[in-house]
Amino acid sequence: MFEKLFMLVKNNAGMAIIDNPVIPVKYHEAMINEASSSIIEVLKGQLENGKLKDLIKYFQFPGIYNNPLINSAVNKFANKLNNYYGMAPEEALTTAKALIPPVMQEMIQQSKSGQNNEFALGKLLSSLSGNYNINALLSELAVA
């Protein structure tokens, strides 16, 4: 799942990272890794903080662009750009906003369409939780 997310970020990194004149080429790959890890950290944080229902809602209603999950991932990535790569805060936030929301939306679309089994909700949650079989819990929450 994590490799697929990295590829999804890489495929969407054009304007935000690859074609961004402010970002040196030597940082492209590292920044793509940082974007991927920011998304994973936010999703994992939801599980660890007992917010599984909120995470499931996010995947059920992807049209919510002003979603706290997206905002958290954007801010986490922007902070990494600022702290580790010396980007100005405004520049880092602009870069993060250009990359993270489209990646997260595409990830959700792929999970709903069955286009990418790695992003199927059960498999995604299982990967985030350390390969714990979460399907029983998902079916229980669907009934609730």
N, C-alpha and C. Protein backbone atom coordinates (compact mmCIF):
# COMPACT_ATOMS: atom_id res chain seq x y z
N MET A 1 0.83 -1.19 0.00
CA MET A 1 0.00 0.00 0.00
C MET A 1 0.87 1.26 0.00
N PHE A 2 1.94 1.22 0.78
CA PHE A 2 2.78 2.41 0.90
C PHE A 2 3.49 2.74 -0.40
N GLU A 3 3.90 1.69 -1.14
CA GLU A 3 4.55 1.92 -2.44
C GLU A 3 3.56 2.53 -3.43
N LYS A 4 2.31 2.04 -3.38
CA LYS A 4 1.28 2.58 -4.28
C LYS A 4 1.00 4.05 -3.96
N LEU A 5 1.00 4.38 -2.68
CA LEU A 5 0.78 5.78 -2.29
C LEU A 5 1.94 6.65 -2.78
N PHE A 6 3.16 6.15 -2.63
CA PHE A 6 4.34 6.88 -3.11
C PHE A 6 4.19 7.15 -4.61
N MET A 7 3.78 6.14 -5.38
CA MET A 7 3.61 6.32 -6.84
C MET A 7 2.50 7.31 -7.15
N LEU A 8 1.44 7.28 -6.36
CA LEU A 8 0.34 8.22 -6.55
C LEU A 8 0.82 9.65 -6.30
N VAL A 9 1.60 9.83 -5.25
CA VAL A 9 2.16 11.16 -4.95
C VAL A 9 3.10 11.58 -6.08
N LYS A 10 3.96 10.66 -6.50
CA LYS A 10 4.93 10.97 -7.56
C LYS A 10 4.22 11.38 -8.85
N ASN A 11 3.13 10.69 -9.17
CA ASN A 11 2.37 11.00 -10.39
C ASN A 11 1.67 12.36 -10.31
N ASN A 12 1.43 12.84 -9.10
CA ASN A 12 0.76 14.13 -8.92
C ASN A 12 1.72 15.26 -8.55
N ALA A 13 3.01 14.97 -8.50
CA ALA A 13 3.99 15.93 -8.00
C ALA A 13 4.43 16.97 -9.03
N GLY A 14 3.94 16.90 -10.25
CA GLY A 14 4.37 17.78 -11.33
C GLY A 14 4.51 19.24 -10.97
N MET A 15 3.42 19.95 -10.89
CA MET A 15 3.46 21.40 -10.64
C MET A 15 3.95 21.73 -9.24
N ALA A 16 3.56 20.93 -8.26
CA ALA A 16 3.89 21.25 -6.87
C ALA A 16 5.37 21.08 -6.56
N ILE A 17 5.98 20.01 -7.08
CA ILE A 17 7.38 19.73 -6.72
C ILE A 17 8.30 19.73 -7.94
N ILE A 18 8.03 18.86 -8.91
CA ILE A 18 8.94 18.65 -10.04
C ILE A 18 9.15 19.93 -10.85
N ASP A 19 8.07 20.63 -11.17
CA ASP A 19 8.17 21.84 -11.99
C ASP A 19 8.27 23.12 -11.18
N ASN A 20 8.45 22.99 -9.88
CA ASN A 20 8.53 24.15 -9.00
C ASN A 20 9.97 24.67 -9.01
N PRO A 21 10.19 25.87 -9.53
CA PRO A 21 11.56 26.40 -9.65
C PRO A 21 12.23 26.66 -8.30
N VAL A 22 11.47 26.73 -7.24
CA VAL A 22 12.01 26.99 -5.91
C VAL A 22 12.66 25.73 -5.31
N ILE A 23 12.25 24.56 -5.82
CA ILE A 23 12.71 23.29 -5.24
C ILE A 23 13.85 22.71 -6.07
N PRO A 24 15.02 22.55 -5.47
CA PRO A 24 16.15 21.94 -6.19
C PRO A 24 15.85 20.48 -6.54
N VAL A 25 16.33 20.05 -7.69
CA VAL A 25 16.09 18.69 -8.19
C VAL A 25 16.53 17.65 -7.16
N LYS A 26 17.61 17.91 -6.45
CA LYS A 26 18.12 16.92 -5.49
C LYS A 26 17.12 16.61 -4.37
N TYR A 27 16.12 17.47 -4.16
CA TYR A 27 15.13 17.25 -3.11
C TYR A 27 13.82 16.63 -3.60
N HIS A 28 13.66 16.49 -4.90
CA HIS A 28 12.38 16.01 -5.45
C HIS A 28 11.95 14.69 -4.82
N GLU A 29 12.80 13.69 -4.89
CA GLU A 29 12.46 12.36 -4.38
C GLU A 29 12.17 12.40 -2.88
N ALA A 30 12.99 13.12 -2.14
CA ALA A 30 12.81 13.22 -0.68
C ALA A 30 11.49 13.89 -0.34
N MET A 31 11.13 14.91 -1.09
CA MET A 31 9.87 15.61 -0.82
C MET A 31 8.66 14.75 -1.16
N ILE A 32 8.79 13.94 -2.18
CA ILE A 32 7.70 13.02 -2.52
C ILE A 32 7.54 12.01 -1.38
N ASN A 33 8.65 11.54 -0.83
CA ASN A 33 8.60 10.65 0.34
C ASN A 33 7.95 11.35 1.53
N GLU A 34 8.30 12.60 1.74
CA GLU A 34 7.73 13.36 2.86
C GLU A 34 6.22 13.54 2.70
N ALA A 35 5.78 13.79 1.47
CA ALA A 35 4.34 13.94 1.23
C ALA A 35 3.62 12.63 1.52
N SER A 36 4.18 11.52 1.04
CA SER A 36 3.58 10.20 1.28
C SER A 36 3.52 9.92 2.77
N SER A 37 4.62 10.16 3.47
CA SER A 37 4.65 9.86 4.90
C SER A 37 3.71 10.77 5.69
N SER A 38 3.53 12.00 5.23
CA SER A 38 2.60 12.91 5.90
C SER A 38 1.18 12.36 5.84
N ILE A 39 0.78 11.86 4.68
CA ILE A 39 -0.55 11.28 4.52
C ILE A 39 -0.69 10.05 5.42
N ILE A 40 0.30 9.18 5.39
CA ILE A 40 0.26 7.96 6.20
C ILE A 40 0.18 8.30 7.69
N GLU A 41 0.99 9.26 8.12
CA GLU A 41 1.00 9.65 9.54
C GLU A 41 -0.36 10.17 9.99
N VAL A 42 -1.02 10.95 9.14
CA VAL A 42 -2.33 11.50 9.51
C VAL A 42 -3.37 10.39 9.57
N LEU A 43 -3.37 9.50 8.57
CA LEU A 43 -4.34 8.39 8.58
C LEU A 43 -4.10 7.46 9.77
N LYS A 44 -2.84 7.16 10.03
CA LYS A 44 -2.48 6.30 11.16
C LYS A 44 -2.86 6.97 12.48
N GLY A 45 -2.66 8.25 12.56
CA GLY A 45 -3.04 9.01 13.76
C GLY A 45 -4.52 8.89 14.06
N GLN A 46 -5.34 8.88 13.02
CA GLN A 46 -6.78 8.71 13.21
C GLN A 46 -7.07 7.38 13.90
N LEU A 47 -6.43 6.32 13.43
CA LEU A 47 -6.63 5.00 14.03
C LEU A 47 -6.15 4.99 15.47
N GLU A 48 -4.96 5.51 15.70
CA GLU A 48 -4.36 5.48 17.03
C GLU A 48 -5.13 6.32 18.04
N ASN A 49 -5.83 7.34 17.56
CA ASN A 49 -6.60 8.21 18.45
C ASN A 49 -8.05 7.79 18.57
N GLY A 50 -8.37 6.60 18.06
CA GLY A 50 -9.73 6.08 18.19
C GLY A 50 -10.76 6.77 17.31
N LYS A 51 -10.32 7.32 16.20
CA LYS A 51 -11.24 8.04 15.32
C LYS A 51 -11.50 7.25 14.04
N LEU A 52 -11.70 5.94 14.20
CA LEU A 52 -11.95 5.07 13.06
C LEU A 52 -13.21 5.49 12.30
N LYS A 53 -14.27 5.85 13.04
CA LYS A 53 -15.51 6.25 12.37
C LYS A 53 -15.30 7.49 11.49
N ASP A 54 -14.52 8.45 11.99
CA ASP A 54 -14.23 9.65 11.20
C ASP A 54 -13.44 9.29 9.94
N LEU A 55 -12.52 8.36 10.08
CA LEU A 55 -11.72 7.92 8.94
C LEU A 55 -12.60 7.23 7.90
N ILE A 56 -13.51 6.41 8.36
CA ILE A 56 -14.43 5.72 7.44
C ILE A 56 -15.32 6.73 6.73
N LYS A 57 -15.82 7.73 7.49
CA LYS A 57 -16.66 8.78 6.88
C LYS A 57 -15.90 9.52 5.78
N TYR A 58 -14.62 9.77 6.05
CA TYR A 58 -13.81 10.46 5.06
C TYR A 58 -13.78 9.68 3.75
N PHE A 59 -13.67 8.37 3.84
CA PHE A 59 -13.64 7.55 2.63
C PHE A 59 -15.02 7.39 2.01
N GLN A 60 -16.08 7.52 2.81
CA GLN A 60 -17.43 7.40 2.27
C GLN A 60 -17.90 8.68 1.59
N PHE A 61 -17.45 9.82 2.09
CA PHE A 61 -17.89 11.11 1.56
C PHE A 61 -16.69 11.95 1.12
N PRO A 62 -16.05 11.54 0.01
CA PRO A 62 -14.81 12.21 -0.40
C PRO A 62 -15.01 13.61 -0.95
N GLY A 63 -16.22 14.04 -1.16
CA GLY A 63 -16.46 15.37 -1.71
C GLY A 63 -16.23 16.48 -0.71
N ILE A 64 -15.90 16.11 0.51
CA ILE A 64 -15.69 17.11 1.55
C ILE A 64 -14.24 17.61 1.45
N TYR A 65 -14.03 18.65 0.67
CA TYR A 65 -12.67 19.13 0.42
C TYR A 65 -12.08 19.86 1.62
N ASN A 66 -12.92 20.46 2.43
CA ASN A 66 -12.42 21.17 3.60
C ASN A 66 -12.44 20.23 4.80
N ASN A 67 -11.89 19.04 4.58
CA ASN A 67 -11.90 17.99 5.58
C ASN A 67 -10.71 18.14 6.52
N PRO A 68 -10.91 17.93 7.81
CA PRO A 68 -9.79 18.04 8.76
C PRO A 68 -8.63 17.09 8.44
N LEU A 69 -8.91 15.92 7.87
CA LEU A 69 -7.83 15.00 7.51
C LEU A 69 -6.93 15.60 6.44
N ILE A 70 -7.55 16.19 5.44
CA ILE A 70 -6.77 16.82 4.36
C ILE A 70 -5.97 17.99 4.94
N ASN A 71 -6.63 18.81 5.75
CA ASN A 71 -5.94 19.95 6.35
C ASN A 71 -4.77 19.51 7.22
N SER A 72 -4.95 18.44 7.97
CA SER A 72 -3.87 17.92 8.82
C SER A 72 -2.69 17.46 7.97
N ALA A 73 -2.98 16.73 6.89
CA ALA A 73 -1.91 16.24 6.01
C ALA A 73 -1.20 17.40 5.33
N VAL A 74 -1.95 18.40 4.89
CA VAL A 74 -1.36 19.59 4.25
C VAL A 74 -0.43 20.28 5.24
N ASN A 75 -0.91 20.50 6.46
CA ASN A 75 -0.10 21.20 7.46
C ASN A 75 1.13 20.40 7.86
N LYS A 76 0.99 19.09 8.00
CA LYS A 76 2.12 18.24 8.36
C LYS A 76 3.20 18.31 7.28
N PHE A 77 2.77 18.20 6.01
CA PHE A 77 3.72 18.27 4.90
C PHE A 77 4.36 19.65 4.80
N ALA A 78 3.57 20.70 4.95
CA ALA A 78 4.10 22.07 4.90
C ALA A 78 5.14 22.29 6.00
N ASN A 79 4.87 21.77 7.20
CA ASN A 79 5.83 21.90 8.30
C ASN A 79 7.14 21.19 7.98
N LYS A 80 7.05 20.02 7.36
CA LYS A 80 8.26 19.29 6.98
C LYS A 80 9.06 20.07 5.94
N LEU A 81 8.36 20.64 4.97
CA LEU A 81 9.04 21.43 3.94
C LEU A 81 9.75 22.63 4.57
N ASN A 82 9.07 23.27 5.50
CA ASN A 82 9.64 24.43 6.17
C ASN A 82 10.80 24.04 7.08
N ASN A 83 10.62 23.03 7.89
CA ASN A 83 11.62 22.65 8.89
C ASN A 83 12.83 21.94 8.30
N TYR A 84 12.62 21.04 7.34
CA TYR A 84 13.72 20.21 6.84
C TYR A 84 14.34 20.71 5.53
N TYR A 85 13.58 21.51 4.78
CA TYR A 85 14.09 21.95 3.47
C TYR A 85 14.22 23.46 3.37
N GLY A 86 13.93 24.15 4.46
CA GLY A 86 14.13 25.59 4.51
C GLY A 86 13.20 26.41 3.64
N MET A 87 12.07 25.84 3.24
CA MET A 87 11.11 26.62 2.45
C MET A 87 10.41 27.63 3.36
N ALA A 88 10.14 28.80 2.81
CA ALA A 88 9.39 29.80 3.56
C ALA A 88 8.00 29.22 3.87
N PRO A 89 7.44 29.55 5.03
CA PRO A 89 6.14 28.98 5.42
C PRO A 89 5.04 29.13 4.36
N GLU A 90 4.95 30.30 3.74
CA GLU A 90 3.91 30.52 2.72
C GLU A 90 4.13 29.62 1.51
N GLU A 91 5.39 29.52 1.09
CA GLU A 91 5.75 28.68 -0.05
C GLU A 91 5.48 27.21 0.25
N ALA A 92 5.84 26.80 1.46
CA ALA A 92 5.63 25.41 1.87
C ALA A 92 4.15 25.07 1.89
N LEU A 93 3.34 25.99 2.40
CA LEU A 93 1.89 25.76 2.46
C LEU A 93 1.28 25.72 1.06
N THR A 94 1.73 26.59 0.18
CA THR A 94 1.24 26.59 -1.20
C THR A 94 1.59 25.27 -1.89
N THR A 95 2.81 24.80 -1.70
CA THR A 95 3.25 23.54 -2.29
C THR A 95 2.43 22.38 -1.74
N ALA A 96 2.24 22.36 -0.43
CA ALA A 96 1.46 21.28 0.20
C ALA A 96 0.02 21.28 -0.27
N LYS A 97 -0.57 22.47 -0.40
CA LYS A 97 -1.97 22.56 -0.86
C LYS A 97 -2.12 22.13 -2.32
N ALA A 98 -1.05 22.30 -3.09
CA ALA A 98 -1.10 21.91 -4.50
C ALA A 98 -0.97 20.39 -4.68
N LEU A 99 -0.38 19.72 -3.71
CA LEU A 99 -0.10 18.29 -3.86
C LEU A 99 -1.00 17.39 -3.03
N ILE A 100 -1.17 17.64 -1.77
CA ILE A 100 -1.83 16.71 -0.86
C ILE A 100 -3.33 16.51 -1.19
N PRO A 101 -4.15 17.56 -1.34
CA PRO A 101 -5.57 17.31 -1.60
C PRO A 101 -5.84 16.47 -2.86
N PRO A 102 -5.18 16.76 -4.00
CA PRO A 102 -5.45 15.91 -5.17
C PRO A 102 -5.04 14.45 -4.95
N VAL A 103 -3.94 14.23 -4.24
CA VAL A 103 -3.49 12.86 -3.98
C VAL A 103 -4.51 12.13 -3.11
N MET A 104 -4.96 12.78 -2.05
CA MET A 104 -5.92 12.14 -1.15
C MET A 104 -7.25 11.88 -1.84
N GLN A 105 -7.67 12.82 -2.69
CA GLN A 105 -8.92 12.61 -3.42
C GLN A 105 -8.79 11.44 -4.40
N GLU A 106 -7.66 11.36 -5.08
CA GLU A 106 -7.45 10.26 -6.03
C GLU A 106 -7.36 8.93 -5.30
N MET A 107 -6.75 8.93 -4.14
CA MET A 107 -6.66 7.71 -3.34
C MET A 107 -8.06 7.22 -2.97
N ILE A 108 -8.93 8.12 -2.58
CA ILE A 108 -10.30 7.76 -2.23
C ILE A 108 -11.06 7.28 -3.46
N GLN A 109 -10.90 7.98 -4.58
CA GLN A 109 -11.58 7.56 -5.81
C GLN A 109 -11.16 6.15 -6.21
N GLN A 110 -9.87 5.86 -6.09
CA GLN A 110 -9.39 4.53 -6.43
C GLN A 110 -9.93 3.48 -5.45
N SER A 111 -10.07 3.85 -4.19
CA SER A 111 -10.59 2.89 -3.21
C SER A 111 -12.06 2.58 -3.49
N LYS A 112 -12.81 3.58 -3.93
CA LYS A 112 -14.23 3.38 -4.20
C LYS A 112 -14.48 2.64 -5.51
N SER A 113 -13.63 2.90 -6.50
CA SER A 113 -13.85 2.31 -7.82
C SER A 113 -13.33 0.88 -7.93
N GLY A 114 -12.51 0.48 -6.95
CA GLY A 114 -11.89 -0.84 -7.05
C GLY A 114 -10.73 -0.84 -8.02
N GLN A 115 -10.38 0.34 -8.51
CA GLN A 115 -9.30 0.51 -9.48
C GLN A 115 -7.95 0.09 -8.89
N ASN A 116 -7.80 0.26 -7.59
CA ASN A 116 -6.55 -0.09 -6.93
C ASN A 116 -6.89 -0.77 -5.61
N ASN A 117 -6.74 -2.10 -5.55
CA ASN A 117 -7.09 -2.85 -4.35
C ASN A 117 -6.27 -2.44 -3.13
N GLU A 118 -5.09 -1.86 -3.34
CA GLU A 118 -4.27 -1.42 -2.22
C GLU A 118 -4.97 -0.33 -1.42
N PHE A 119 -5.84 0.43 -2.08
CA PHE A 119 -6.53 1.52 -1.40
C PHE A 119 -7.95 1.15 -0.98
N ALA A 120 -8.33 -0.12 -1.14
CA ALA A 120 -9.62 -0.57 -0.62
C ALA A 120 -9.61 -0.31 0.88
N LEU A 121 -10.71 0.16 1.42
CA LEU A 121 -10.74 0.62 2.80
C LEU A 121 -10.24 -0.44 3.78
N GLY A 122 -10.69 -1.66 3.65
CA GLY A 122 -10.27 -2.72 4.57
C GLY A 122 -8.77 -2.97 4.50
N LYS A 123 -8.24 -3.03 3.29
CA LYS A 123 -6.80 -3.29 3.12
C LYS A 123 -5.97 -2.09 3.60
N LEU A 124 -6.45 -0.89 3.31
CA LEU A 124 -5.76 0.32 3.75
C LEU A 124 -5.69 0.37 5.27
N LEU A 125 -6.82 0.16 5.92
CA LEU A 125 -6.85 0.19 7.38
C LEU A 125 -6.00 -0.92 7.98
N SER A 126 -6.02 -2.06 7.34
CA SER A 126 -5.19 -3.18 7.80
C SER A 126 -3.70 -2.81 7.72
N SER A 127 -3.30 -2.19 6.63
CA SER A 127 -1.90 -1.77 6.48
C SER A 127 -1.52 -0.72 7.53
N LEU A 128 -2.41 0.21 7.77
CA LEU A 128 -2.14 1.27 8.73
C LEU A 128 -2.06 0.75 10.16
N SER A 129 -2.80 -0.33 10.42
CA SER A 129 -2.85 -0.86 11.79
C SER A 129 -1.84 -1.97 12.01
N GLY A 130 -0.93 -2.17 11.08
CA GLY A 130 0.08 -3.21 11.24
C GLY A 130 -0.42 -4.58 10.82
N ASN A 131 -1.24 -4.62 9.78
CA ASN A 131 -1.79 -5.85 9.20
C ASN A 131 -2.77 -6.58 10.13
N TYR A 132 -3.39 -5.85 11.03
CA TYR A 132 -4.46 -6.40 11.85
C TYR A 132 -5.68 -6.54 10.96
N ASN A 133 -6.37 -7.67 11.03
CA ASN A 133 -7.56 -7.88 10.18
C ASN A 133 -8.70 -7.04 10.74
N ILE A 134 -9.01 -5.99 10.04
CA ILE A 134 -9.96 -5.01 10.53
C ILE A 134 -11.34 -5.17 9.87
N ASN A 135 -11.49 -6.14 8.96
CA ASN A 135 -12.75 -6.30 8.23
C ASN A 135 -13.93 -6.59 9.15
N ALA A 136 -13.75 -7.38 10.20
CA ALA A 136 -14.84 -7.66 11.14
C ALA A 136 -15.31 -6.37 11.81
N LEU A 137 -14.37 -5.53 12.20
CA LEU A 137 -14.71 -4.26 12.81
C LEU A 137 -15.43 -3.34 11.84
N LEU A 138 -14.98 -3.35 10.58
CA LEU A 138 -15.63 -2.53 9.55
C LEU A 138 -17.07 -2.95 9.35
N SER A 139 -17.33 -4.25 9.27
CA SER A 139 -18.71 -4.70 9.06
C SER A 139 -19.57 -4.37 10.27
N GLU A 140 -18.98 -4.42 11.47
CA GLU A 140 -19.71 -4.06 12.68
C GLU A 140 -20.06 -2.57 12.67
N LEU A 141 -19.12 -1.73 12.22
CA LEU A 141 -19.37 -0.29 12.16
C LEU A 141 -20.39 0.05 11.07
N ALA A 142 -20.41 -0.73 9.99
CA ALA A 142 -21.35 -0.48 8.90
C ALA A 142 -22.79 -0.71 9.38
N VAL A 143 -22.95 -1.67 10.30
CA VAL A 143 -24.27 -1.98 10.84
C VAL A 143 -24.70 -0.91 11.84
N ALA A 144 -23.75 -0.36 12.57
CA ALA A 144 -24.05 0.61 13.63
C ALA A 144 -24.64 1.89 13.11
